[in-house]
Amino acid sequence: MSSQRRIRQKLRRGTTIVESSIVLSVVLLIVMSFLELSLLVVRVNSLTEACQNVSRLVSVSGDLSSGANALGPATIQCNAEANNSVANAARRALTMVDPSKVELEVVWSDGTNSPGDLVVVHLDYQNASIIPLVDHLTDKLFHYTCHIRIAH
């Protein structure tokens, strides 16, 4: 009787290992998915703030600002790693985002840089997932647009 009991215990031990590995893999996937979602929320907030920072900078950099600080009306296209005032304004907000993956574009819609004119700021970021299983859900191009009028 004791030999049959040992055999059952050995078989049960193998079953426990298999069940534990299945449950553990599902739990790890759920935990990693929550981590991915958390990082995504932080990135979205950082990119939104970067777009707002650039918009604020542009709104106070019209014709009436001092000569060195004036921007536009020529379109500005750059990477957030560039060494200019627009990229610097964006970079201050990019906490969990790689600046080399952020593309900026500032367009003066009215063609001039006078107070009251409309300026549009575009910001693009290609998100990369940390989890291979959910990369088709989160590997997306994020596009942000801010419209603002020049204050001075």
C-alpha atoms as a PDB file:
ATOM      1  CA  MET A   1       0.000   0.000   0.000  1.00  0.00           C
ATOM      2  CA  SER A   2       2.793   2.400   0.803  1.00  0.00           C
ATOM      3  CA  SER A   3       4.437   1.872  -2.603  1.00  0.00           C
ATOM      4  CA  GLN A   4       1.184   2.801  -4.374  1.00  0.00           C
ATOM      5  CA  ARG A   5       0.900   5.862  -2.182  1.00  0.00           C
ATOM      6  CA  ARG A   6       4.437   6.967  -3.133  1.00  0.00           C
ATOM      7  CA  ILE A   7       3.653   6.519  -6.814  1.00  0.00           C
ATOM      8  CA  ARG A   8       0.497   8.648  -6.467  1.00  0.00           C
ATOM      9  CA  GLN A   9       2.443  11.329  -4.620  1.00  0.00           C
ATOM     10  CA  LYS A  10       5.094  11.419  -7.363  1.00  0.00           C
ATOM     11  CA  LEU A  11       2.398  11.688 -10.036  1.00  0.00           C
ATOM     12  CA  ARG A  12       0.650  14.418  -8.050  1.00  0.00           C
ATOM     13  CA  ARG A  13       3.934  16.304  -7.616  1.00  0.00           C
ATOM     14  CA  GLY A  14       4.345  16.420 -11.391  1.00  0.00           C
ATOM     15  CA  THR A  15       0.780  17.650 -11.792  1.00  0.00           C
ATOM     16  CA  THR A  16       1.380  20.402  -9.250  1.00  0.00           C
ATOM     17  CA  ILE A  17       4.439  21.623 -11.136  1.00  0.00           C
ATOM     18  CA  VAL A  18       2.536  21.745 -14.435  1.00  0.00           C
ATOM     19  CA  GLU A  19      -0.442  23.543 -12.875  1.00  0.00           C
ATOM     20  CA  SER A  20       1.827  26.021 -11.100  1.00  0.00           C
ATOM     21  CA  SER A  21       3.730  26.835 -14.281  1.00  0.00           C
ATOM     22  CA  ILE A  22       0.475  27.505 -16.171  1.00  0.00           C
ATOM     23  CA  VAL A  23      -0.923  29.732 -13.424  1.00  0.00           C
ATOM     24  CA  LEU A  24       2.383  31.551 -12.944  1.00  0.00           C
ATOM     25  CA  SER A  25       2.717  32.335 -16.659  1.00  0.00           C
ATOM     26  CA  VAL A  26      -0.806  33.812 -16.749  1.00  0.00           C
ATOM     27  CA  VAL A  27      -0.176  35.857 -13.593  1.00  0.00           C
ATOM     28  CA  LEU A  28       3.124  37.179 -15.000  1.00  0.00           C
ATOM     29  CA  LEU A  29       1.408  38.155 -18.247  1.00  0.00           C
ATOM     30  CA  ILE A  30      -1.225  40.077 -16.307  1.00  0.00           C
ATOM     31  CA  VAL A  31       1.381  41.840 -14.145  1.00  0.00           C
ATOM     32  CA  MET A  32       3.485  42.767 -17.192  1.00  0.00           C
ATOM     33  CA  SER A  33       0.373  44.023 -18.984  1.00  0.00           C
ATOM     34  CA  PHE A  34      -0.376  46.330 -16.056  1.00  0.00           C
ATOM     35  CA  LEU A  35       3.223  47.552 -16.178  1.00  0.00           C
ATOM     36  CA  GLU A  36       2.906  48.203 -19.908  1.00  0.00           C
ATOM     37  CA  LEU A  37      -0.345  50.090 -19.379  1.00  0.00           C
ATOM     38  CA  SER A  38       1.230  52.186 -16.617  1.00  0.00           C
ATOM     39  CA  LEU A  39       4.192  53.107 -18.813  1.00  0.00           C
ATOM     40  CA  LEU A  40       1.820  53.967 -21.637  1.00  0.00           C
ATOM     41  CA  VAL A  41      -0.146  56.348 -19.415  1.00  0.00           C
ATOM     42  CA  VAL A  42       3.062  58.051 -18.232  1.00  0.00           C
ATOM     43  CA  ARG A  43       4.267  58.424 -21.838  1.00  0.00           C
ATOM     44  CA  VAL A  44       0.939  59.859 -22.992  1.00  0.00           C
ATOM     45  CA  ASN A  45       0.998  62.416 -20.175  1.00  0.00           C
ATOM     46  CA  SER A  46       4.634  63.326 -20.927  1.00  0.00           C
ATOM     47  CA  LEU A  47       3.936  63.782 -24.627  1.00  0.00           C
ATOM     48  CA  THR A  48       0.839  65.879 -23.939  1.00  0.00           C
ATOM     49  CA  GLU A  49       2.839  68.116 -21.622  1.00  0.00           C
ATOM     50  CA  ALA A  50       5.641  68.405 -24.204  1.00  0.00           C
ATOM     51  CA  CYS A  51       3.145  69.549 -26.841  1.00  0.00           C
ATOM     52  CA  GLN A  52       1.726  72.107 -24.401  1.00  0.00           C
ATOM     53  CA  ASN A  53       5.227  73.371 -23.494  1.00  0.00           C
ATOM     54  CA  VAL A  54       6.081  73.958 -27.153  1.00  0.00           C
ATOM     55  CA  SER A  55       2.723  75.706 -27.671  1.00  0.00           C
ATOM     56  CA  ARG A  56       3.388  78.020 -24.722  1.00  0.00           C
ATOM     57  CA  LEU A  57       6.844  78.847 -26.048  1.00  0.00           C
ATOM     58  CA  VAL A  58       5.527  79.624 -29.512  1.00  0.00           C
ATOM     59  CA  SER A  59       2.634  81.725 -28.216  1.00  0.00           C
ATOM     60  CA  VAL A  60       5.027  84.160 -26.520  1.00  0.00           C
ATOM     61  CA  SER A  61       7.594  84.191 -29.329  1.00  0.00           C
ATOM     62  CA  GLY A  62       5.806  86.358 -31.874  1.00  0.00           C
ATOM     63  CA  ASP A  63       6.929  89.482 -33.722  1.00  0.00           C
ATOM     64  CA  LEU A  64       6.668  91.635 -30.611  1.00  0.00           C
ATOM     65  CA  SER A  65       9.097  89.535 -28.581  1.00  0.00           C
ATOM     66  CA  SER A  66      12.778  90.445 -28.516  1.00  0.00           C
ATOM     67  CA  GLY A  67      14.691  89.588 -31.699  1.00  0.00           C
ATOM     68  CA  ALA A  68      16.617  86.608 -30.335  1.00  0.00           C
ATOM     69  CA  ASN A  69      13.466  84.973 -28.929  1.00  0.00           C
ATOM     70  CA  ALA A  70      11.199  85.427 -31.960  1.00  0.00           C
ATOM     71  CA  LEU A  71      10.196  82.256 -33.790  1.00  0.00           C
ATOM     72  CA  GLY A  72       8.591  81.689 -37.194  1.00  0.00           C
ATOM     73  CA  PRO A  73       6.784  82.252 -39.454  1.00  0.00           C
ATOM     74  CA  ALA A  74       8.833  79.603 -41.283  1.00  0.00           C
ATOM     75  CA  THR A  75       7.793  76.043 -40.413  1.00  0.00           C
ATOM     76  CA  ILE A  76      10.039  74.384 -37.849  1.00  0.00           C
ATOM     77  CA  GLN A  77      10.617  70.643 -38.125  1.00  0.00           C
ATOM     78  CA  CYS A  78      13.011  68.942 -35.743  1.00  0.00           C
ATOM     79  CA  ASN A  79      13.654  66.014 -33.497  1.00  0.00           C
ATOM     80  CA  ALA A  80      13.266  66.521 -29.741  1.00  0.00           C
ATOM     81  CA  GLU A  81      17.013  65.852 -29.408  1.00  0.00           C
ATOM     82  CA  ALA A  82      17.869  68.910 -31.499  1.00  0.00           C
ATOM     83  CA  ASN A  83      19.593  71.867 -29.906  1.00  0.00           C
ATOM     84  CA  ASN A  84      17.033  74.642 -30.338  1.00  0.00           C
ATOM     85  CA  SER A  85      14.442  76.370 -28.168  1.00  0.00           C
ATOM     86  CA  VAL A  86      11.507  74.316 -29.504  1.00  0.00           C
ATOM     87  CA  ALA A  87      13.214  70.974 -28.820  1.00  0.00           C
ATOM     88  CA  ASN A  88      14.401  72.206 -25.411  1.00  0.00           C
ATOM     89  CA  ALA A  89      10.828  73.132 -24.455  1.00  0.00           C
ATOM     90  CA  ALA A  90       9.614  69.668 -25.446  1.00  0.00           C
ATOM     91  CA  ARG A  91      12.493  67.809 -23.817  1.00  0.00           C
ATOM     92  CA  ARG A  92      11.730  69.266 -20.378  1.00  0.00           C
ATOM     93  CA  ALA A  93       8.515  67.200 -20.258  1.00  0.00           C
ATOM     94  CA  LEU A  94       9.783  63.957 -21.791  1.00  0.00           C
ATOM     95  CA  THR A  95      10.453  61.985 -18.616  1.00  0.00           C
ATOM     96  CA  MET A  96       9.833  58.375 -19.738  1.00  0.00           C
ATOM     97  CA  VAL A  97      10.160  59.023 -23.466  1.00  0.00           C
ATOM     98  CA  ASP A  98      13.254  58.774 -25.659  1.00  0.00           C
ATOM     99  CA  PRO A  99      13.642  62.256 -27.243  1.00  0.00           C
ATOM    100  CA  SER A 100      15.232  60.758 -30.358  1.00  0.00           C
ATOM    101  CA  LYS A 101      11.873  59.134 -31.187  1.00  0.00           C
ATOM    102  CA  VAL A 102       9.870  62.358 -30.902  1.00  0.00           C
ATOM    103  CA  GLU A 103       9.356  64.456 -34.039  1.00  0.00           C
ATOM    104  CA  LEU A 104       8.182  68.067 -33.727  1.00  0.00           C
ATOM    105  CA  GLU A 105       6.632  70.387 -36.278  1.00  0.00           C
ATOM    106  CA  VAL A 106       5.504  73.971 -35.700  1.00  0.00           C
ATOM    107  CA  VAL A 107       3.389  75.554 -38.455  1.00  0.00           C
ATOM    108  CA  TRP A 108       2.257  79.162 -38.589  1.00  0.00           C
ATOM    109  CA  SER A 109      -1.130  78.660 -40.260  1.00  0.00           C
ATOM    110  CA  ASP A 110      -1.713  82.319 -41.090  1.00  0.00           C
ATOM    111  CA  GLY A 111       1.748  82.694 -42.611  1.00  0.00           C
ATOM    112  CA  THR A 112       2.767  85.510 -40.281  1.00  0.00           C
ATOM    113  CA  ASN A 113       3.979  85.780 -36.717  1.00  0.00           C
ATOM    114  CA  SER A 114       1.769  88.599 -35.502  1.00  0.00           C
ATOM    115  CA  PRO A 115      -0.261  88.613 -32.282  1.00  0.00           C
ATOM    116  CA  GLY A 116      -3.541  86.748 -32.751  1.00  0.00           C
ATOM    117  CA  ASP A 117      -2.241  84.519 -35.556  1.00  0.00           C
ATOM    118  CA  LEU A 118      -2.810  80.772 -35.285  1.00  0.00           C
ATOM    119  CA  VAL A 119       0.094  78.368 -34.722  1.00  0.00           C
ATOM    120  CA  VAL A 120      -0.241  74.584 -34.864  1.00  0.00           C
ATOM    121  CA  VAL A 121       2.190  72.290 -33.035  1.00  0.00           C
ATOM    122  CA  HIS A 122       2.434  68.645 -34.171  1.00  0.00           C
ATOM    123  CA  LEU A 123       4.245  66.022 -32.116  1.00  0.00           C
ATOM    124  CA  ASP A 124       4.726  62.389 -33.246  1.00  0.00           C
ATOM    125  CA  TYR A 125       6.039  59.471 -31.213  1.00  0.00           C
ATOM    126  CA  GLN A 126       6.383  55.800 -32.152  1.00  0.00           C
ATOM    127  CA  ASN A 127       5.654  53.772 -29.017  1.00  0.00           C
ATOM    128  CA  ALA A 128       7.503  50.488 -28.483  1.00  0.00           C
ATOM    129  CA  SER A 129       6.088  47.786 -26.237  1.00  0.00           C
ATOM    130  CA  ILE A 130       8.123  46.033 -23.554  1.00  0.00           C
ATOM    131  CA  ILE A 131       6.030  42.870 -23.876  1.00  0.00           C
ATOM    132  CA  PRO A 132       6.283  40.919 -27.134  1.00  0.00           C
ATOM    133  CA  LEU A 133       2.817  39.371 -26.717  1.00  0.00           C
ATOM    134  CA  VAL A 134       0.975  42.694 -26.631  1.00  0.00           C
ATOM    135  CA  ASP A 135       3.130  44.729 -29.007  1.00  0.00           C
ATOM    136  CA  HIS A 136       0.388  44.714 -31.659  1.00  0.00           C
ATOM    137  CA  LEU A 137      -1.800  46.591 -29.172  1.00  0.00           C
ATOM    138  CA  THR A 138       0.661  49.231 -27.982  1.00  0.00           C
ATOM    139  CA  ASP A 139       3.178  49.654 -30.831  1.00  0.00           C
ATOM    140  CA  LYS A 140       1.370  52.654 -32.226  1.00  0.00           C
ATOM    141  CA  LEU A 141       2.238  56.040 -33.620  1.00  0.00           C
ATOM    142  CA  PHE A 142       1.006  58.695 -31.221  1.00  0.00           C
ATOM    143  CA  HIS A 143       0.164  62.033 -32.809  1.00  0.00           C
ATOM    144  CA  TYR A 144      -0.510  65.165 -30.756  1.00  0.00           C
ATOM    145  CA  THR A 145      -1.703  68.484 -32.087  1.00  0.00           C
ATOM    146  CA  CYS A 146      -2.000  71.779 -30.205  1.00  0.00           C
ATOM    147  CA  HIS A 147      -3.559  74.920 -31.692  1.00  0.00           C
ATOM    148  CA  ILE A 148      -2.663  78.226 -30.104  1.00  0.00           C
ATOM    149  CA  ARG A 149      -2.816  81.931 -30.924  1.00  0.00           C
ATOM    150  CA  ILE A 150       0.267  84.134 -30.642  1.00  0.00           C
ATOM    151  CA  ALA A 151       0.008  86.357 -27.572  1.00  0.00           C
ATOM    152  CA  HIS A 152       2.877  88.751 -28.325  1.00  0.00           C
END
